[in-house]
Amino acid sequence: MGRLFSLTYPTGAVLLAIGNGHKYGFDIMDATGLPDGTVYPILRRLERHGVLDGHWEDESIAKGEQRPQRRYYALTVVGEESLKEVEARFPALPRLFPARPEVA
């Protein structure tokens, strides 16, 4: 995995947040406490390397909620493997990012 991207603490935090159910930029920023200037470049880089799969939500949903369109991210198979490496490299990090509570 080291050849694909640099596994830094912020990158690990983003992967863990996504693995725990945080699926779009602002939600990931809230979960990690990282600023947008850190989160969005990480998301783009991980998607470019095939670690994340991203897709835009339907524009009508965003318009109906009167907000900008969201890009949703999910871990790929490579992302799942990367997440295991994050947990091994930064053993305390998983405790900082509990699973996202389900919205009723």
N, C-alpha and C. Protein backbone atom coordinates (compact mmCIF):
# COMPACT_ATOMS: atom_id res chain seq x y z
N MET A 1 0.82 -1.19 0.00
CA MET A 1 0.00 0.00 0.00
C MET A 1 0.85 1.24 0.00
N GLY A 2 2.02 1.23 0.60
CA GLY A 2 2.85 2.40 0.67
C GLY A 2 3.19 2.98 -0.69
N ARG A 3 3.12 2.16 -1.73
CA ARG A 3 3.41 2.65 -3.07
C ARG A 3 2.25 3.46 -3.64
N LEU A 4 1.05 3.21 -3.16
CA LEU A 4 -0.12 3.92 -3.68
C LEU A 4 -0.24 5.34 -3.13
N PHE A 5 -0.05 5.48 -1.83
CA PHE A 5 -0.20 6.78 -1.18
C PHE A 5 0.49 6.74 0.16
N SER A 6 0.75 7.92 0.69
CA SER A 6 1.40 8.03 1.99
C SER A 6 0.37 7.83 3.09
N LEU A 7 0.63 6.89 3.97
CA LEU A 7 -0.30 6.60 5.06
C LEU A 7 0.06 7.48 6.26
N THR A 8 -0.47 8.68 6.24
CA THR A 8 -0.25 9.63 7.32
C THR A 8 -1.39 9.50 8.33
N TYR A 9 -1.22 10.14 9.47
CA TYR A 9 -2.26 10.14 10.49
C TYR A 9 -3.56 10.73 9.94
N PRO A 10 -3.52 11.91 9.26
CA PRO A 10 -4.78 12.45 8.71
C PRO A 10 -5.43 11.51 7.68
N THR A 11 -4.62 10.87 6.85
CA THR A 11 -5.17 9.92 5.88
C THR A 11 -5.83 8.75 6.60
N GLY A 12 -5.19 8.26 7.64
CA GLY A 12 -5.76 7.19 8.44
C GLY A 12 -7.07 7.61 9.09
N ALA A 13 -7.12 8.84 9.58
CA ALA A 13 -8.34 9.34 10.20
C ALA A 13 -9.48 9.40 9.20
N VAL A 14 -9.20 9.85 7.99
CA VAL A 14 -10.23 9.91 6.94
C VAL A 14 -10.71 8.51 6.59
N LEU A 15 -9.80 7.57 6.42
CA LEU A 15 -10.20 6.19 6.11
C LEU A 15 -11.06 5.59 7.23
N LEU A 16 -10.66 5.82 8.46
CA LEU A 16 -11.44 5.30 9.59
C LEU A 16 -12.83 5.93 9.64
N ALA A 17 -12.90 7.22 9.41
CA ALA A 17 -14.20 7.89 9.43
C ALA A 17 -15.12 7.29 8.36
N ILE A 18 -14.59 7.08 7.16
CA ILE A 18 -15.41 6.50 6.10
C ILE A 18 -15.78 5.06 6.45
N GLY A 19 -14.84 4.32 6.97
CA GLY A 19 -15.11 2.94 7.38
C GLY A 19 -16.16 2.85 8.47
N ASN A 20 -16.32 3.93 9.24
CA ASN A 20 -17.30 3.95 10.33
C ASN A 20 -18.60 4.64 9.96
N GLY A 21 -18.81 4.87 8.65
CA GLY A 21 -20.11 5.36 8.22
C GLY A 21 -20.21 6.83 7.87
N HIS A 22 -19.14 7.58 7.95
CA HIS A 22 -19.15 8.98 7.55
C HIS A 22 -18.84 9.02 6.07
N LYS A 23 -19.77 9.48 5.25
CA LYS A 23 -19.70 9.24 3.81
C LYS A 23 -19.41 10.45 2.93
N TYR A 24 -19.52 11.68 3.44
CA TYR A 24 -19.28 12.85 2.58
C TYR A 24 -18.41 13.85 3.33
N GLY A 25 -17.85 14.78 2.58
CA GLY A 25 -16.83 15.69 3.09
C GLY A 25 -17.09 16.34 4.43
N PHE A 26 -18.20 17.08 4.55
CA PHE A 26 -18.46 17.78 5.81
C PHE A 26 -18.65 16.82 6.97
N ASP A 27 -19.27 15.68 6.70
CA ASP A 27 -19.46 14.67 7.74
C ASP A 27 -18.10 14.12 8.19
N ILE A 28 -17.21 13.90 7.24
CA ILE A 28 -15.86 13.42 7.56
C ILE A 28 -15.08 14.48 8.33
N MET A 29 -15.24 15.73 7.94
CA MET A 29 -14.59 16.83 8.67
C MET A 29 -15.08 16.89 10.11
N ASP A 30 -16.39 16.76 10.30
CA ASP A 30 -16.94 16.77 11.66
C ASP A 30 -16.41 15.61 12.49
N ALA A 31 -16.32 14.44 11.88
CA ALA A 31 -15.87 13.25 12.60
C ALA A 31 -14.40 13.32 12.99
N THR A 32 -13.58 13.86 12.09
CA THR A 32 -12.13 13.86 12.32
C THR A 32 -11.61 15.13 12.95
N GLY A 33 -12.33 16.22 12.82
CA GLY A 33 -11.83 17.51 13.29
C GLY A 33 -10.80 18.12 12.35
N LEU A 34 -10.62 17.51 11.18
CA LEU A 34 -9.66 18.01 10.21
C LEU A 34 -10.32 19.08 9.34
N PRO A 35 -9.56 20.08 8.89
CA PRO A 35 -10.13 21.14 8.05
C PRO A 35 -10.34 20.68 6.61
N ASP A 36 -11.17 21.44 5.89
CA ASP A 36 -11.46 21.09 4.50
C ASP A 36 -10.22 21.06 3.62
N GLY A 37 -9.25 21.92 3.91
CA GLY A 37 -8.01 21.94 3.14
C GLY A 37 -7.16 20.70 3.33
N THR A 38 -7.49 19.89 4.30
CA THR A 38 -6.82 18.61 4.52
C THR A 38 -7.69 17.46 4.00
N VAL A 39 -8.97 17.48 4.33
CA VAL A 39 -9.87 16.37 4.00
C VAL A 39 -10.08 16.21 2.50
N TYR A 40 -10.42 17.30 1.80
CA TYR A 40 -10.75 17.16 0.38
C TYR A 40 -9.57 16.72 -0.48
N PRO A 41 -8.35 17.21 -0.26
CA PRO A 41 -7.23 16.65 -1.02
C PRO A 41 -6.99 15.17 -0.74
N ILE A 42 -7.19 14.75 0.51
CA ILE A 42 -7.04 13.33 0.84
C ILE A 42 -8.10 12.51 0.11
N LEU A 43 -9.34 12.96 0.12
CA LEU A 43 -10.41 12.25 -0.57
C LEU A 43 -10.12 12.11 -2.06
N ARG A 44 -9.69 13.20 -2.70
CA ARG A 44 -9.38 13.15 -4.13
C ARG A 44 -8.23 12.18 -4.42
N ARG A 45 -7.19 12.24 -3.59
CA ARG A 45 -6.03 11.38 -3.79
C ARG A 45 -6.40 9.90 -3.61
N LEU A 46 -7.17 9.60 -2.56
CA LEU A 46 -7.56 8.21 -2.31
C LEU A 46 -8.49 7.69 -3.40
N GLU A 47 -9.35 8.53 -3.91
CA GLU A 47 -10.22 8.10 -5.00
C GLU A 47 -9.39 7.86 -6.27
N ARG A 48 -8.45 8.74 -6.54
CA ARG A 48 -7.59 8.60 -7.72
C ARG A 48 -6.78 7.30 -7.67
N HIS A 49 -6.40 6.87 -6.47
CA HIS A 49 -5.61 5.65 -6.31
C HIS A 49 -6.46 4.39 -6.14
N GLY A 50 -7.79 4.53 -6.25
CA GLY A 50 -8.66 3.36 -6.17
C GLY A 50 -8.93 2.86 -4.77
N VAL A 51 -8.62 3.68 -3.77
CA VAL A 51 -8.87 3.31 -2.38
C VAL A 51 -10.32 3.62 -2.00
N LEU A 52 -10.86 4.65 -2.62
CA LEU A 52 -12.25 5.06 -2.40
C LEU A 52 -12.99 5.07 -3.73
N ASP A 53 -14.28 4.82 -3.64
CA ASP A 53 -15.17 4.98 -4.78
C ASP A 53 -16.08 6.16 -4.43
N GLY A 54 -16.15 7.15 -5.29
CA GLY A 54 -16.98 8.32 -5.02
C GLY A 54 -18.05 8.49 -6.08
N HIS A 55 -19.20 9.00 -5.67
CA HIS A 55 -20.26 9.31 -6.61
C HIS A 55 -21.06 10.51 -6.10
N TRP A 56 -21.56 11.29 -7.04
CA TRP A 56 -22.38 12.45 -6.69
C TRP A 56 -23.81 12.00 -6.44
N GLU A 57 -24.43 12.59 -5.43
CA GLU A 57 -25.83 12.29 -5.19
C GLU A 57 -26.67 12.94 -6.28
N ASP A 58 -27.90 12.51 -6.38
CA ASP A 58 -28.82 13.07 -7.36
C ASP A 58 -29.02 14.56 -7.04
N GLU A 59 -28.90 15.38 -8.05
CA GLU A 59 -29.01 16.83 -7.87
C GLU A 59 -30.36 17.24 -7.28
N SER A 60 -31.41 16.52 -7.60
CA SER A 60 -32.74 16.87 -7.09
C SER A 60 -32.82 16.73 -5.57
N ILE A 61 -32.06 15.79 -5.01
CA ILE A 61 -32.05 15.62 -3.55
C ILE A 61 -31.45 16.86 -2.89
N ALA A 62 -30.31 17.29 -3.41
CA ALA A 62 -29.65 18.48 -2.85
C ALA A 62 -30.53 19.72 -3.00
N LYS A 63 -31.14 19.88 -4.16
CA LYS A 63 -32.02 21.04 -4.38
C LYS A 63 -33.21 20.99 -3.44
N GLY A 64 -33.77 19.79 -3.24
CA GLY A 64 -34.91 19.63 -2.34
C GLY A 64 -34.56 19.99 -0.91
N GLU A 65 -33.31 19.77 -0.52
CA GLU A 65 -32.85 20.11 0.83
C GLU A 65 -32.16 21.47 0.88
N GLN A 66 -32.16 22.17 -0.24
CA GLN A 66 -31.59 23.52 -0.37
C GLN A 66 -30.15 23.58 0.14
N ARG A 67 -29.32 22.72 -0.44
CA ARG A 67 -27.91 22.67 -0.09
C ARG A 67 -27.12 22.23 -1.31
N PRO A 68 -25.80 22.38 -1.25
CA PRO A 68 -24.98 21.90 -2.38
C PRO A 68 -25.04 20.38 -2.50
N GLN A 69 -24.81 19.91 -3.70
CA GLN A 69 -24.76 18.48 -3.97
C GLN A 69 -23.59 17.85 -3.21
N ARG A 70 -23.78 16.66 -2.69
CA ARG A 70 -22.74 15.96 -1.94
C ARG A 70 -22.10 14.87 -2.81
N ARG A 71 -20.81 14.65 -2.56
CA ARG A 71 -20.11 13.52 -3.16
C ARG A 71 -19.95 12.49 -2.05
N TYR A 72 -20.49 11.29 -2.27
CA TYR A 72 -20.44 10.23 -1.27
C TYR A 72 -19.28 9.28 -1.58
N TYR A 73 -18.61 8.84 -0.52
CA TYR A 73 -17.44 7.97 -0.66
C TYR A 73 -17.66 6.64 0.06
N ALA A 74 -17.10 5.60 -0.53
CA ALA A 74 -17.12 4.26 0.08
C ALA A 74 -15.75 3.63 -0.14
N LEU A 75 -15.36 2.77 0.79
CA LEU A 75 -14.10 2.05 0.65
C LEU A 75 -14.21 1.00 -0.44
N THR A 76 -13.17 0.86 -1.25
CA THR A 76 -13.08 -0.23 -2.22
C THR A 76 -12.41 -1.41 -1.51
N VAL A 77 -12.14 -2.46 -2.24
CA VAL A 77 -11.42 -3.60 -1.67
C VAL A 77 -10.03 -3.13 -1.21
N VAL A 78 -9.39 -2.32 -2.02
CA VAL A 78 -8.08 -1.76 -1.64
C VAL A 78 -8.25 -0.89 -0.39
N GLY A 79 -9.35 -0.16 -0.32
CA GLY A 79 -9.63 0.67 0.85
C GLY A 79 -9.80 -0.14 2.12
N GLU A 80 -10.48 -1.27 2.01
CA GLU A 80 -10.65 -2.16 3.17
C GLU A 80 -9.30 -2.68 3.65
N GLU A 81 -8.42 -3.04 2.71
CA GLU A 81 -7.09 -3.49 3.07
C GLU A 81 -6.29 -2.35 3.71
N SER A 82 -6.45 -1.15 3.16
CA SER A 82 -5.77 0.02 3.70
C SER A 82 -6.24 0.31 5.12
N LEU A 83 -7.52 0.12 5.37
CA LEU A 83 -8.07 0.35 6.70
C LEU A 83 -7.43 -0.59 7.72
N LYS A 84 -7.20 -1.83 7.34
CA LYS A 84 -6.51 -2.77 8.24
C LYS A 84 -5.10 -2.28 8.55
N GLU A 85 -4.43 -1.72 7.55
CA GLU A 85 -3.09 -1.19 7.77
C GLU A 85 -3.13 0.02 8.71
N VAL A 86 -4.14 0.86 8.56
CA VAL A 86 -4.30 2.01 9.45
C VAL A 86 -4.43 1.53 10.89
N GLU A 87 -5.27 0.53 11.10
CA GLU A 87 -5.51 0.02 12.45
C GLU A 87 -4.24 -0.59 13.05
N ALA A 88 -3.41 -1.20 12.21
CA ALA A 88 -2.15 -1.77 12.70
C ALA A 88 -1.10 -0.68 12.96
N ARG A 89 -1.05 0.30 12.10
CA ARG A 89 -0.03 1.35 12.22
C ARG A 89 -0.34 2.36 13.31
N PHE A 90 -1.63 2.69 13.47
CA PHE A 90 -2.07 3.68 14.46
C PHE A 90 -3.10 3.01 15.39
N PRO A 91 -2.66 2.16 16.32
CA PRO A 91 -3.61 1.37 17.11
C PRO A 91 -4.58 2.18 17.97
N ALA A 92 -4.22 3.39 18.37
CA ALA A 92 -5.13 4.19 19.19
C ALA A 92 -6.17 4.93 18.35
N LEU A 93 -5.90 5.11 17.07
CA LEU A 93 -6.77 5.90 16.21
C LEU A 93 -8.20 5.36 16.12
N PRO A 94 -8.42 4.06 15.99
CA PRO A 94 -9.81 3.57 15.89
C PRO A 94 -10.70 3.96 17.07
N ARG A 95 -10.13 4.10 18.24
CA ARG A 95 -10.94 4.48 19.41
C ARG A 95 -11.43 5.92 19.32
N LEU A 96 -10.78 6.73 18.51
CA LEU A 96 -11.16 8.14 18.38
C LEU A 96 -12.34 8.35 17.45
N PHE A 97 -12.63 7.37 16.61
CA PHE A 97 -13.69 7.52 15.62
C PHE A 97 -14.72 6.41 15.74
N PRO A 98 -15.65 6.57 16.66
CA PRO A 98 -16.70 5.55 16.80
C PRO A 98 -17.59 5.54 15.56
N ALA A 99 -18.33 4.47 15.42
CA ALA A 99 -19.24 4.34 14.29
C ALA A 99 -20.27 5.46 14.32
N ARG A 100 -20.66 5.90 13.16
CA ARG A 100 -21.66 6.96 13.03
C ARG A 100 -23.00 6.41 13.48
N PRO A 101 -23.69 7.14 14.34
CA PRO A 101 -25.02 6.67 14.76
C PRO A 101 -25.98 6.66 13.58
N GLU A 102 -26.82 5.66 13.52
CA GLU A 102 -27.80 5.58 12.45
C GLU A 102 -28.85 6.66 12.64
N VAL A 103 -29.21 7.30 11.53
CA VAL A 103 -30.23 8.35 11.57
C VAL A 103 -31.58 7.68 11.33
N ALA A 104 -32.54 7.98 12.20
CA ALA A 104 -33.87 7.35 12.09
C ALA A 104 -34.70 7.94 10.99
